[in-house]
Structures are given as structure tokens and as C-alpha cells.
Protein backbone atom coordinates (compact mmCIF):
# COMPACT_ATOMS: atom_id res chain seq x y z
CA MET A 1 -23.19 -74.08 10.60
CA ARG A 2 -21.63 -72.91 13.55
CA VAL A 3 -23.49 -71.36 16.56
CA ALA A 4 -22.06 -70.89 19.97
CA TYR A 5 -23.84 -71.72 23.23
CA GLN A 6 -22.79 -70.14 26.47
CA TYR A 7 -23.45 -71.70 30.02
CA ARG A 8 -22.61 -70.76 33.40
CA LEU A 9 -20.45 -72.87 35.39
CA ARG A 10 -20.42 -73.80 38.85
CA LEU A 11 -16.76 -74.47 39.89
CA THR A 12 -15.68 -75.78 43.25
CA ARG A 13 -13.16 -73.51 45.02
CA GLN A 14 -10.26 -75.74 43.91
CA GLN A 15 -11.47 -75.50 40.13
CA GLN A 16 -11.77 -71.51 40.63
CA ALA A 17 -8.17 -71.20 41.85
CA THR A 18 -6.96 -73.41 39.05
CA VAL A 19 -8.63 -71.30 36.45
CA ASP A 20 -7.53 -68.10 37.97
CA ASP A 21 -3.87 -69.48 37.85
CA TRP A 22 -4.29 -70.48 34.39
CA LEU A 23 -5.33 -67.19 33.19
CA GLU A 24 -2.46 -65.39 35.06
CA LEU A 25 -0.17 -67.70 33.45
CA CYS A 26 -1.68 -66.88 29.82
CA ARG A 27 -1.36 -63.29 30.53
CA ARG A 28 2.16 -63.30 31.47
CA GLN A 29 2.68 -65.65 28.31
CA TYR A 30 0.54 -62.94 26.16
CA ASN A 31 2.65 -60.14 27.39
CA TYR A 32 6.11 -61.77 26.76
CA ARG A 33 5.18 -62.85 23.12
CA LEU A 34 3.87 -59.51 22.26
CA ALA A 35 7.02 -58.16 23.72
CA GLU A 36 9.13 -60.34 21.58
CA ARG A 37 7.47 -58.91 18.26
CA PHE A 38 7.66 -55.36 19.48
CA ASN A 39 11.26 -55.97 20.12
CA TRP A 40 11.92 -57.21 16.51
CA TYR A 41 9.77 -54.43 15.16
CA GLU A 42 11.93 -51.64 16.89
CA GLN A 43 15.58 -53.39 16.07
CA ASN A 44 14.72 -54.22 12.31
CA ARG A 45 12.76 -51.29 11.05
CA CYS A 46 14.34 -48.22 9.24
CA ASP A 47 12.21 -45.20 7.78
CA ILE A 48 13.00 -45.29 4.01
CA ASN A 49 13.25 -41.23 3.80
CA ALA A 50 15.75 -41.24 6.81
CA CYS A 51 18.02 -43.97 6.02
CA ALA A 52 21.94 -43.34 5.91
CA LEU A 53 23.88 -44.08 2.96
CA ILE A 54 25.98 -46.54 5.06
CA CYS A 55 23.79 -48.62 7.18
CA HIS A 56 24.99 -49.12 10.94
CA LEU A 57 21.94 -51.58 11.90
CA PRO A 58 23.04 -54.40 14.08
CA GLU A 59 22.55 -58.11 12.56
CA LEU A 60 18.79 -58.23 11.74
CA LYS A 61 16.71 -60.92 13.58
CA ASP A 62 14.23 -63.20 12.27
CA ARG A 63 10.84 -62.11 12.64
CA PRO A 64 8.89 -64.09 15.20
CA ASP A 65 5.93 -65.78 13.85
CA PHE A 66 3.25 -67.91 15.08
CA TYR A 67 5.40 -71.46 14.47
CA SER A 68 8.57 -70.03 15.80
CA GLN A 69 7.09 -68.87 19.14
CA LYS A 70 5.21 -72.01 19.30
CA ARG A 71 8.25 -74.04 19.28
CA ASP A 72 9.67 -71.92 22.02
CA LEU A 73 7.06 -73.05 24.32
CA VAL A 74 9.13 -75.97 25.14
CA ASN A 75 11.72 -73.51 26.76
CA SER A 76 9.14 -71.58 28.60
CA LYS A 77 8.00 -74.92 30.34
CA LYS A 78 11.58 -75.64 31.21
CA LEU A 79 12.15 -72.41 32.62
CA PHE A 80 8.78 -72.11 34.30
CA PRO A 81 7.35 -75.90 35.14
CA GLU A 82 4.25 -74.46 36.22
CA TYR A 83 3.16 -73.81 32.32
CA LYS A 84 3.47 -77.74 32.33
CA GLU A 85 0.13 -77.83 34.08
CA LEU A 86 -1.63 -76.04 31.19
CA PRO A 87 -2.72 -77.97 28.10
CA SER A 88 -0.53 -77.21 25.12
CA HIS A 89 -3.23 -76.20 22.95
CA THR A 90 -4.38 -73.74 25.35
CA LEU A 91 -0.91 -72.09 25.35
CA GLN A 92 -0.75 -72.43 21.56
CA ASP A 93 -3.96 -70.49 21.45
CA VAL A 94 -2.44 -67.68 23.18
CA VAL A 95 0.43 -67.43 20.64
CA ALA A 96 -2.35 -67.31 17.65
CA ARG A 97 -4.08 -64.53 19.67
CA VAL A 98 -0.62 -62.41 19.66
CA GLU A 99 -0.13 -63.21 16.03
CA LYS A 100 -3.77 -62.08 14.96
CA THR A 101 -3.36 -58.69 16.97
CA PHE A 102 -0.15 -58.00 15.83
CA ASP A 103 -1.13 -58.83 12.20
CA ARG A 104 -3.82 -56.65 12.40
CA TRP A 105 -1.81 -53.58 13.51
CA LEU A 106 0.83 -53.99 10.82
CA SER A 107 -1.12 -55.31 7.81
CA GLY A 108 -4.81 -55.06 8.48
CA ASP A 109 -7.53 -57.45 8.34
CA SER A 110 -9.07 -59.01 5.17
CA ASN A 111 -10.56 -55.74 4.44
CA GLY A 112 -7.38 -53.71 4.92
CA LYS A 113 -8.70 -52.12 7.99
CA ARG A 114 -5.75 -51.77 10.53
CA SER A 115 -6.16 -51.83 14.25
CA GLY A 116 -4.55 -49.90 16.82
CA LYS A 117 -1.16 -50.88 18.50
CA PRO A 118 -1.71 -53.77 20.68
CA ARG A 119 -1.26 -53.25 24.32
CA PHE A 120 -0.04 -55.41 27.18
CA LYS A 121 -2.57 -56.91 29.40
CA GLY A 122 -2.52 -55.87 32.85
CA GLN A 123 -3.29 -57.78 35.86
CA GLY A 124 -7.23 -59.13 35.59
CA ARG A 125 -7.30 -58.20 32.00
CA PHE A 126 -6.99 -61.76 30.25
CA ARG A 127 -10.19 -62.92 31.21
CA SER A 128 -10.43 -66.32 28.84
CA ILE A 129 -8.83 -69.40 28.05
CA ALA A 130 -9.75 -71.51 25.09
CA PHE A 131 -9.45 -75.45 24.41
CA PRO A 132 -9.31 -75.72 20.59
CA ASP A 133 -9.47 -79.51 20.79
CA PRO A 134 -12.87 -80.89 19.88
CA VAL A 135 -14.81 -81.92 22.63
CA LYS A 136 -15.92 -85.61 22.46
CA PRO A 137 -19.47 -86.93 23.20
CA GLU A 138 -18.21 -88.99 26.01
CA HIS A 139 -16.74 -86.05 27.71
CA ILE A 140 -20.37 -84.50 28.13
CA ASP A 141 -22.28 -86.35 30.93
CA GLY A 142 -25.51 -84.43 31.56
CA ARG A 143 -24.61 -81.30 33.13
CA PHE A 144 -21.08 -81.89 33.44
CA ILE A 145 -18.15 -81.57 30.74
CA GLN A 146 -14.62 -83.02 30.95
CA ILE A 147 -11.94 -80.26 30.40
CA PRO A 148 -8.32 -81.42 30.11
CA LYS A 149 -6.16 -81.16 33.21
CA ILE A 150 -8.99 -79.81 35.37
CA GLY A 151 -11.42 -82.31 35.40
CA LYS A 152 -15.41 -82.19 35.37
CA LEU A 153 -17.04 -78.92 35.48
CA LYS A 154 -20.49 -78.40 36.29
CA MET A 155 -22.79 -76.35 34.02
CA ILE A 156 -25.99 -74.77 34.66
CA LEU A 157 -27.93 -75.97 31.48
CA HIS A 158 -30.59 -73.40 30.97
CA ARG A 159 -31.09 -74.97 27.41
CA PRO A 160 -30.17 -78.36 26.53
CA LEU A 161 -27.50 -79.03 23.60
CA PRO A 162 -29.19 -79.66 20.36
CA ASP A 163 -29.07 -83.11 18.87
CA GLY A 164 -26.86 -83.92 15.86
CA PHE A 165 -24.29 -80.85 16.77
CA LYS A 166 -20.49 -81.51 17.27
CA VAL A 167 -18.72 -79.55 19.88
CA LYS A 168 -15.71 -78.23 18.19
CA THR A 169 -14.15 -75.94 20.84
CA ALA A 170 -14.75 -74.69 24.19
CA ALA A 171 -13.62 -71.51 26.15
CA ILE A 172 -13.68 -70.66 29.62
CA ILE A 173 -14.51 -66.93 30.45
CA LYS A 174 -14.27 -65.12 33.76
CA LYS A 175 -16.84 -62.14 34.28
CA VAL A 176 -17.47 -60.34 37.24
CA ASP A 177 -20.41 -62.23 38.20
CA GLY A 178 -18.83 -65.56 37.84
CA TYR A 179 -17.41 -68.15 35.23
CA TYR A 180 -19.00 -69.18 31.90
CA ILE A 181 -17.97 -71.84 29.27
CA THR A 182 -18.80 -71.06 25.65
CA LEU A 183 -19.15 -74.02 23.21
CA SER A 184 -18.90 -73.77 19.69
CA LEU A 185 -21.25 -76.28 17.88
CA GLN A 186 -21.38 -77.44 14.40
CA ASP A 187 -24.02 -79.15 12.26
CA SER A 188 -22.98 -80.21 9.04
CA THR A 189 -26.27 -81.71 8.27
CA VAL A 190 -28.09 -78.30 8.03
CA PRO A 191 -28.04 -77.29 4.24
CA MET A 192 -26.85 -74.05 2.66
CA LEU A 193 -30.20 -72.30 1.80
CA SER A 194 -30.40 -70.13 -1.28
CA PRO A 195 -32.63 -67.15 -0.36
CA ASP A 196 -34.98 -65.46 -2.97
CA THR A 197 -34.12 -62.49 -4.86
CA PRO A 198 -35.14 -59.32 -2.79
CA GLU A 199 -38.30 -57.82 -4.03
CA MET A 200 -40.89 -55.24 -2.89
CA GLU A 201 -43.10 -58.20 -1.43
CA ASN A 202 -40.37 -60.14 0.40
CA THR A 203 -38.21 -57.23 1.60
CA ILE A 204 -38.57 -54.94 4.80
CA GLY A 205 -36.93 -51.62 5.27
CA ILE A 206 -36.00 -50.40 8.39
CA ASP A 207 -34.37 -47.03 9.47
CA MET A 208 -32.16 -46.89 12.77
CA GLY A 209 -32.60 -43.88 14.72
CA LEU A 210 -32.22 -42.50 18.42
CA LYS A 211 -35.65 -41.17 18.81
CA SER A 212 -36.99 -44.61 18.37
CA PHE A 213 -34.37 -47.65 17.99
CA LEU A 214 -35.96 -48.64 14.50
CA MET A 215 -38.94 -47.97 12.28
CA ASP A 216 -39.77 -50.26 9.38
CA ASP A 217 -41.53 -49.24 5.93
CA SER A 218 -44.93 -49.94 7.24
CA GLY A 219 -44.60 -47.36 9.99
CA GLU A 220 -44.25 -49.39 13.00
CA GLU A 221 -41.50 -48.39 15.23
CA VAL A 222 -39.67 -50.23 18.26
CA ALA A 223 -39.10 -47.70 21.27
CA ILE A 224 -35.37 -47.15 22.17
CA PRO A 225 -34.75 -48.54 25.61
CA GLN A 226 -31.68 -46.22 26.77
CA HIS A 227 -30.32 -48.74 28.95
CA TYR A 228 -27.33 -46.86 29.93
CA ARG A 229 -28.89 -43.59 30.55
CA LYS A 230 -31.26 -45.35 32.92
CA ALA A 231 -28.37 -46.87 34.89
CA GLU A 232 -26.43 -43.53 35.09
CA LYS A 233 -27.77 -42.63 38.48
CA ARG A 234 -26.88 -45.65 39.98
CA LEU A 235 -23.22 -45.79 38.24
CA LYS A 236 -22.57 -42.10 39.35
CA ARG A 237 -23.21 -42.86 43.05
CA LEU A 238 -21.04 -46.12 42.74
CA GLN A 239 -18.29 -44.57 40.73
CA ARG A 240 -18.08 -41.53 43.46
CA SER A 241 -18.07 -44.09 46.16
CA LEU A 242 -14.96 -45.85 44.18
CA SER A 243 -13.00 -42.51 43.79
CA ARG A 244 -12.98 -42.23 47.61
CA LYS A 245 -11.53 -45.58 48.25
CA LYS A 246 -7.85 -46.23 48.81
CA LYS A 247 -5.76 -47.81 46.00
CA GLY A 248 -4.99 -51.33 46.65
CA SER A 249 -7.32 -51.71 49.60
CA ASN A 250 -9.86 -54.56 49.89
CA ARG A 251 -12.92 -51.85 49.96
CA ARG A 252 -11.51 -50.47 46.49
CA LYS A 253 -11.57 -54.11 45.01
CA LYS A 254 -15.05 -54.38 46.17
CA SER A 255 -16.12 -51.22 44.86
CA ILE A 256 -14.90 -51.82 41.64
CA LYS A 257 -16.60 -55.12 41.35
CA ARG A 258 -19.92 -53.47 42.07
CA VAL A 259 -19.60 -51.07 39.47
CA ALA A 260 -18.47 -53.63 37.02
CA LYS A 261 -21.69 -55.42 37.78
CA VAL A 262 -23.73 -52.59 36.85
CA HIS A 263 -21.91 -52.27 33.65
CA LEU A 264 -22.64 -56.10 33.00
CA LYS A 265 -26.19 -55.83 33.67
CA VAL A 266 -26.41 -52.94 31.09
CA SER A 267 -24.68 -55.01 28.50
CA ASN A 268 -26.61 -58.11 29.01
CA THR A 269 -30.01 -56.16 29.05
CA ARG A 270 -29.07 -54.39 25.80
CA LYS A 271 -28.02 -57.60 24.22
CA ASP A 272 -31.08 -59.40 25.28
CA PHE A 273 -33.36 -56.53 23.62
CA HIS A 274 -31.39 -56.69 20.47
CA TYR A 275 -32.07 -60.59 19.99
CA LYS A 276 -35.71 -60.15 20.92
CA THR A 277 -35.84 -57.17 18.39
CA ALA A 278 -34.24 -59.32 15.90
CA LYS A 279 -36.23 -62.30 16.24
CA GLN A 280 -39.51 -60.01 15.83
CA LEU A 281 -38.39 -58.28 12.41
CA LEU A 282 -37.35 -61.89 11.02
CA SER A 283 -40.51 -63.92 12.27
CA GLN A 284 -42.16 -62.12 9.04
CA GLY A 285 -39.94 -64.37 7.04
CA LYS A 286 -38.75 -61.49 4.80
CA HIS A 287 -35.17 -59.96 3.85
CA ILE A 288 -34.29 -56.93 6.02
CA ALA A 289 -32.76 -53.70 4.40
CA HIS A 290 -30.97 -51.29 6.62
CA GLU A 291 -28.61 -48.42 6.32
CA LYS A 292 -24.81 -49.05 5.95
CA LEU A 293 -23.97 -47.00 8.93
CA ASN A 294 -20.40 -45.41 9.92
CA VAL A 295 -21.03 -46.31 13.68
CA LYS A 296 -17.52 -45.26 14.56
CA GLY A 297 -17.64 -42.02 13.06
CA LEU A 298 -20.99 -41.35 14.60
CA ALA A 299 -19.50 -42.49 18.10
CA LYS A 300 -17.11 -39.72 17.62
CA SER A 301 -20.05 -36.86 17.52
CA ARG A 302 -21.83 -35.07 20.06
CA LEU A 303 -24.27 -38.00 19.93
CA ALA A 304 -21.62 -40.46 21.10
CA LYS A 305 -23.19 -41.59 24.43
CA SER A 306 -26.59 -42.13 22.72
CA VAL A 307 -24.94 -44.07 19.61
CA ASN A 308 -23.02 -46.40 22.03
CA ASP A 309 -26.23 -46.80 24.19
CA ALA A 310 -28.34 -48.00 21.15
CA GLY A 311 -25.71 -50.43 20.17
CA TRP A 312 -26.45 -50.30 16.39
CA SER A 313 -23.34 -52.36 15.31
CA GLN A 314 -24.38 -55.46 17.79
CA PHE A 315 -27.85 -55.37 16.77
CA LEU A 316 -26.95 -55.45 12.99
CA GLN A 317 -24.41 -58.21 13.59
CA ILE A 318 -27.11 -60.20 15.65
CA LEU A 319 -29.59 -59.55 12.79
CA ALA A 320 -27.47 -60.88 10.25
CA ILE A 321 -26.40 -64.08 12.08
CA LYS A 322 -30.36 -64.77 12.80
CA ALA A 323 -31.18 -64.01 9.10
CA GLU A 324 -28.83 -66.37 7.76
CA ARG A 325 -29.91 -69.09 9.94
CA ALA A 326 -33.34 -68.16 8.55
CA GLY A 327 -32.11 -68.59 5.32
CA LEU A 328 -32.75 -64.82 4.65
CA LEU A 329 -30.48 -61.62 3.81
CA THR A 330 -29.39 -58.37 5.53
CA ILE A 331 -29.07 -55.92 2.81
CA ALA A 332 -26.81 -53.01 3.61
CA VAL A 333 -27.57 -49.80 1.30
CA ASN A 334 -25.96 -46.49 1.04
CA PRO A 335 -27.63 -44.20 3.53
CA ASN A 336 -27.02 -41.26 1.19
CA GLY A 337 -30.37 -39.38 0.55
CA THR A 338 -32.38 -41.68 2.48
CA SER A 339 -33.88 -38.99 4.66
CA GLN A 340 -33.62 -36.06 2.57
CA ASN A 341 -35.18 -37.48 -0.61
CA CYS A 342 -39.03 -38.26 -0.83
CA SER A 343 -40.19 -41.59 -0.89
CA GLY A 344 -43.11 -40.94 -3.18
CA CYS A 345 -41.56 -38.82 -5.86
CA GLY A 346 -37.81 -38.61 -5.38
CA THR A 347 -37.65 -35.05 -5.01
CA LYS A 348 -35.17 -33.61 -2.40
CA VAL A 349 -36.42 -32.00 0.55
CA PRO A 350 -33.83 -30.79 2.82
CA LYS A 351 -34.31 -31.20 6.59
CA MET A 352 -32.46 -30.50 9.66
CA LEU A 353 -31.71 -32.95 12.39
CA SER A 354 -34.31 -31.50 14.39
CA ASP A 355 -37.11 -31.74 11.69
CA ARG A 356 -38.92 -34.98 12.48
CA LEU A 357 -41.68 -34.49 9.75
CA HIS A 358 -41.23 -35.25 6.04
CA ALA A 359 -43.64 -33.00 3.71
CA CYS A 360 -42.81 -33.26 0.24
CA PRO A 361 -43.89 -29.66 -1.75
CA GLU A 362 -44.24 -31.66 -5.00
CA CYS A 363 -46.18 -34.52 -4.36
CA GLY A 364 -47.74 -33.27 -0.97
CA LEU A 365 -46.41 -36.67 0.79
CA THR A 366 -46.38 -36.02 4.92
CA ILE A 367 -45.29 -38.92 6.90
CA ASP A 368 -42.62 -39.18 9.62
CA ARG A 369 -38.82 -38.57 8.73
CA ASP A 370 -37.57 -42.17 9.81
CA HIS A 371 -40.69 -43.84 8.07
CA ASN A 372 -40.00 -41.97 4.98
CA ALA A 373 -36.12 -43.08 5.15
CA ALA A 374 -37.40 -46.78 5.97
CA ILE A 375 -39.32 -46.83 2.41
CA ASN A 376 -36.48 -45.34 0.54
CA ILE A 377 -34.15 -48.11 2.20
CA LYS A 378 -36.49 -50.62 0.91
CA HIS A 379 -36.34 -49.29 -2.48
CA LEU A 380 -32.76 -48.98 -2.42
CA ALA A 381 -32.43 -52.53 -1.81
CA VAL A 382 -34.62 -54.13 -4.31
CA GLY A 383 -32.82 -51.83 -6.78
CA HIS A 384 -34.90 -48.73 -7.43
CA SER A 385 -33.54 -45.18 -7.19
CA VAL A 386 -34.48 -42.78 -4.64
CA ASN A 387 -33.40 -39.67 -6.25
CA LYS A 388 -34.44 -39.64 -9.79
CA ALA A 389 -32.12 -36.81 -10.68
CA GLN A 390 -29.04 -38.48 -9.42
CA ALA A 391 -29.83 -41.67 -11.27
CA THR A 392 -30.32 -40.05 -14.31
CA SER A 393 -26.82 -38.31 -14.13
CA ASP A 394 -25.28 -41.66 -13.22
CA ALA A 395 -26.77 -43.29 -16.28
CA ILE A 396 -25.38 -40.38 -18.42
CA ALA A 397 -22.14 -40.96 -16.97
CA GLY A 398 -22.16 -44.63 -17.25
CA VAL A 399 -22.19 -45.29 -13.62
CA THR A 400 -24.30 -48.19 -12.60
CA GLU A 401 -24.12 -48.96 -8.80
CA LYS A 402 -25.98 -52.10 -7.45
CA PRO A 403 -26.61 -52.36 -3.73
CA ALA A 404 -24.51 -54.79 -2.04
CA LEU A 405 -25.89 -57.80 -0.30
CA TYR A 406 -24.39 -58.40 3.24
CA ALA A 407 -24.94 -62.00 4.78
CA SER A 408 -23.21 -63.03 7.96
CA ALA A 409 -20.16 -65.15 7.26
């Protein structure tokens, strides 16, 4: 099992200067390696529908990959001696990042989803450096951790490192409010749990919303905090002040930092809310069923600000990770019909988005719209059909769909 612990660092001025120099050198190396791949792509590509009968392309170059660019780091250190100050594995991690982002643009990830075209990192946009080598136990002495070529760094241990875990990797991250270190821990002694099959008794259905953050199948709801909307008034004042500052001035830099701190606080409070909500749900010891939401699509609608403020994707990711550690499952079901169909008889009851009450004309069930959807989600997770007519037509056509189980990897 792998977990990540993040601690705040108390660095000396010399250590801060060293970390800042390393971040800048890694940023330049990232941009250089990315430019190499873009040059190869532009010089070697040829549209198949516009290719001439006689090819006049110059001599094709070998495609830069992780290993060729890693070998070329030796030449970078000869031309620019300041790169010798960085650990070799840290520079290799920069090349690995370029490899990952470039391949996701051309080929896509494991699911075939392609990312956008990679962009060059501007000044101050490269904020983390990794140390892939495992940290030995003797390198951690109380509140101090030994990092190659930089020395001992003081950590604020707000929680102790667990016993039995091995520190696999470390990464230093620069945020607007200071420096942090993230330790990746692994414990091979924790057995892999085989969760029980989801049933009606050991499963909770939750419906995500914007009126309330979520509502479960028992009718209990969690109020939506709206962290960003509460900070909008302060952000508006700070951003208006920022727009009046002269570009490149020290006052503008200070104003940018004030705005960034407000955004960081909103992000931290939202994440804290997500962790506490996930813990509250999993404390019941039951599997969690939720809708398989298309958050990216919803974030492009007129509800974009509210959807991004709620942070559904982050919450579901946290919920899946915490559920796996508790030996439970998170079950993503198809959201089609969960709000429209009656949870009592399966009759389709059309509703507008503004209709917040479910009133079935067939069985007379009258409950909150989100409560009805949560019950339907629970039924889908354990294998029951919500829409009887749809289930009958699928059976006739020989189509049998099973709900997919999604546990965190």
C-alpha cells in the first residue's frame, strides 16, 4: 500500500536560495527537452492526405525518447556546469515528466484519452522537484530529513511517520505560503483485502448535487460549503488592486502573492471538507455507490462556477482512496434515469432541473428529488433495475449490463 504524507519545511535562507535555483534549472531543462520533441514532430510529420508523390523531406531524425534524452544530460552538464549541482535522478525525473506529457498528447493514456498540447513552463511555473531514490531510515532524524546535495531539512511533523513504512520517494514543492515536502510511503505488511459483494444491507447510495453537496439513500444530506463563492468578495477587491499595479514592479509581485494566498486557502479548505466528508461516510463500514459524473462536461455548462466550487472529481478520488484503505468499494453507476425514475415502482416521472420534489403518480411516493436519486443509485449498485420498462427491453434484445466496480488503484 502506498500513501503520501506532506509536511511543511522550515528552510534557511541558503536552502531556500538553493531550492529556487534548482527549480529554475529544472524549468529550463524541461523546456529544452520539450522543444527537442516539438522539433522532431514538426520536421518528421507528413499529412497522409497531402503527401506529394515525390517526397522532398529532409533526412529523418530519430525520435527523442526518455533514454536518449537521459544520455544527453551529460552534454548539458558539460555546457552548463551549474547542472552538476543537481542530483542526477532529479534531472532524469524532469525528462520523465516530458516523456509522460508528450506521449499523452500524441497517444493518450491507458484509457485512450488524449491530453492537450504541452506548454512551455514560464518563470515560476515549475514548482516541484523530485528525488526518486528511496530515503534510508538513517536519513530521517527526528524532525530532520537528509536530501542529497542540499543537506538536512527541518520538517514540521504535525503527525508522526507511521512505523513499518518505508519512504520510497520525496519531492519538494514550492507554494505561495512556503515550501513543503511530500514523502511517498509504502507498507508491504498490509494485506490486500477482498471486499464483500455489494448488497442492500452493506451499501450506501449518494447523490451529488449543488443544492446540497450530497444526500444519501436514508435522506441525510451534507450542506454544500461554497468555499469559492464566499471568497469572491475578497478576491474581487484584491484582483482590482492587482490590475492597477505596474507590470514588473515589486508591488505587483506582492499583489499577485496576496491573490494566490486566497486561492490556496480556498483550495485547502475545500480539500479539508472533502476528507472529513469521506471519513464520515466510510465510518459506517459500508460500500459507497455514486453516479459516474461527466464533471468536465458539466464544467463547461452554465453551472461551471458551482460545479468547480463543489470539487466533485477531487472528492470522488479521495473517497475511492480512503475506501480502499478501509477495505471497501466505491461503485460508479450510470446516472441516466436516476433522477427521473421512481425508486418505488420504476415509473419514469419527468422533471425539470428546478423541480426539487419527486411525486410519483403511480405509487404515490413523495420524497426529495435527491433522496429518490440516491435510492436509485443504490439499487443500480447492487444489481437492481431502476426503470422496469428499460430492463425488459434490454432483456428482449439480449443486452445485459452490469454496474462497474471502481476501486482506487
